[in-house]
């Protein structure tokens, strides 16, 4: 069985090492960590 945290770490490393715009990297990072500023999350803040 594969450890989910290890898969997440590998995905995040690949995200930052690719030659893509930083705003895309930041969006992907927030998406993986479930930290996107949704309307519901912003309302709770």
C-alpha atoms as a PDB file:
ATOM      1  CA  UNK A   1       0.000   0.000   0.000  1.00  0.00           C
ATOM      2  CA  UNK A   2       1.250   3.484  -0.863  1.00  0.00           C
ATOM      3  CA  UNK A   3       1.403   6.143   1.825  1.00  0.00           C
ATOM      4  CA  UNK A   4      -0.801   9.085   0.783  1.00  0.00           C
ATOM      5  CA  UNK A   5       1.539  11.609   2.416  1.00  0.00           C
ATOM      6  CA  UNK A   6       4.463  10.291   0.375  1.00  0.00           C
ATOM      7  CA  UNK A   7       2.417  10.636  -2.815  1.00  0.00           C
ATOM      8  CA  UNK A   8       1.430  14.195  -1.857  1.00  0.00           C
ATOM      9  CA  UNK A   9       5.043  15.157  -1.138  1.00  0.00           C
ATOM     10  CA  UNK A  10       6.158  13.729  -4.485  1.00  0.00           C
ATOM     11  CA  UNK A  11       3.368  15.574  -6.322  1.00  0.00           C
ATOM     12  CA  UNK A  12       4.246  18.868  -4.633  1.00  0.00           C
ATOM     13  CA  UNK A  13       7.923  18.416  -5.467  1.00  0.00           C
ATOM     14  CA  UNK A  14       7.057  17.825  -9.113  1.00  0.00           C
ATOM     15  CA  UNK A  15       4.787  20.854  -9.072  1.00  0.00           C
ATOM     16  CA  UNK A  16       7.596  23.174  -7.952  1.00  0.00           C
ATOM     17  CA  UNK A  17      10.279  21.631 -10.178  1.00  0.00           C
ATOM     18  CA  UNK A  18       8.345  21.989 -13.441  1.00  0.00           C
ATOM     19  CA  UNK A  19       8.865  24.976 -15.681  1.00  0.00           C
ATOM     20  CA  UNK A  20       5.396  26.489 -15.254  1.00  0.00           C
ATOM     21  CA  UNK A  21       4.292  29.971 -14.190  1.00  0.00           C
ATOM     22  CA  UNK A  22       4.429  30.560 -10.442  1.00  0.00           C
ATOM     23  CA  UNK A  23       0.723  31.405 -10.254  1.00  0.00           C
ATOM     24  CA  UNK A  24      -0.059  27.944 -11.636  1.00  0.00           C
ATOM     25  CA  UNK A  25       2.297  26.342  -9.097  1.00  0.00           C
ATOM     26  CA  UNK A  26       0.676  28.251  -6.247  1.00  0.00           C
ATOM     27  CA  UNK A  27      -2.808  27.284  -7.444  1.00  0.00           C
ATOM     28  CA  UNK A  28      -1.774  23.615  -7.631  1.00  0.00           C
ATOM     29  CA  UNK A  29      -0.170  23.797  -4.196  1.00  0.00           C
ATOM     30  CA  UNK A  30      -3.355  25.242  -2.691  1.00  0.00           C
ATOM     31  CA  UNK A  31      -5.445  22.662  -4.548  1.00  0.00           C
ATOM     32  CA  UNK A  32      -3.385  19.747  -3.197  1.00  0.00           C
ATOM     33  CA  UNK A  33      -3.570  21.096   0.354  1.00  0.00           C
ATOM     34  CA  UNK A  34      -7.306  21.866   0.026  1.00  0.00           C
ATOM     35  CA  UNK A  35      -6.672  25.542   0.823  1.00  0.00           C
ATOM     36  CA  UNK A  36      -8.424  27.211  -2.108  1.00  0.00           C
ATOM     37  CA  UNK A  37     -10.223  30.423  -1.112  1.00  0.00           C
ATOM     38  CA  UNK A  38     -13.769  29.221  -1.761  1.00  0.00           C
ATOM     39  CA  UNK A  39     -16.743  31.420  -1.016  1.00  0.00           C
ATOM     40  CA  UNK A  40     -17.658  29.239   1.967  1.00  0.00           C
ATOM     41  CA  UNK A  41     -14.126  29.357   3.404  1.00  0.00           C
ATOM     42  CA  UNK A  42     -13.921  33.122   2.943  1.00  0.00           C
ATOM     43  CA  UNK A  43     -17.312  33.570   4.619  1.00  0.00           C
ATOM     44  CA  UNK A  44     -16.161  31.596   7.681  1.00  0.00           C
ATOM     45  CA  UNK A  45     -13.114  33.852   7.965  1.00  0.00           C
END
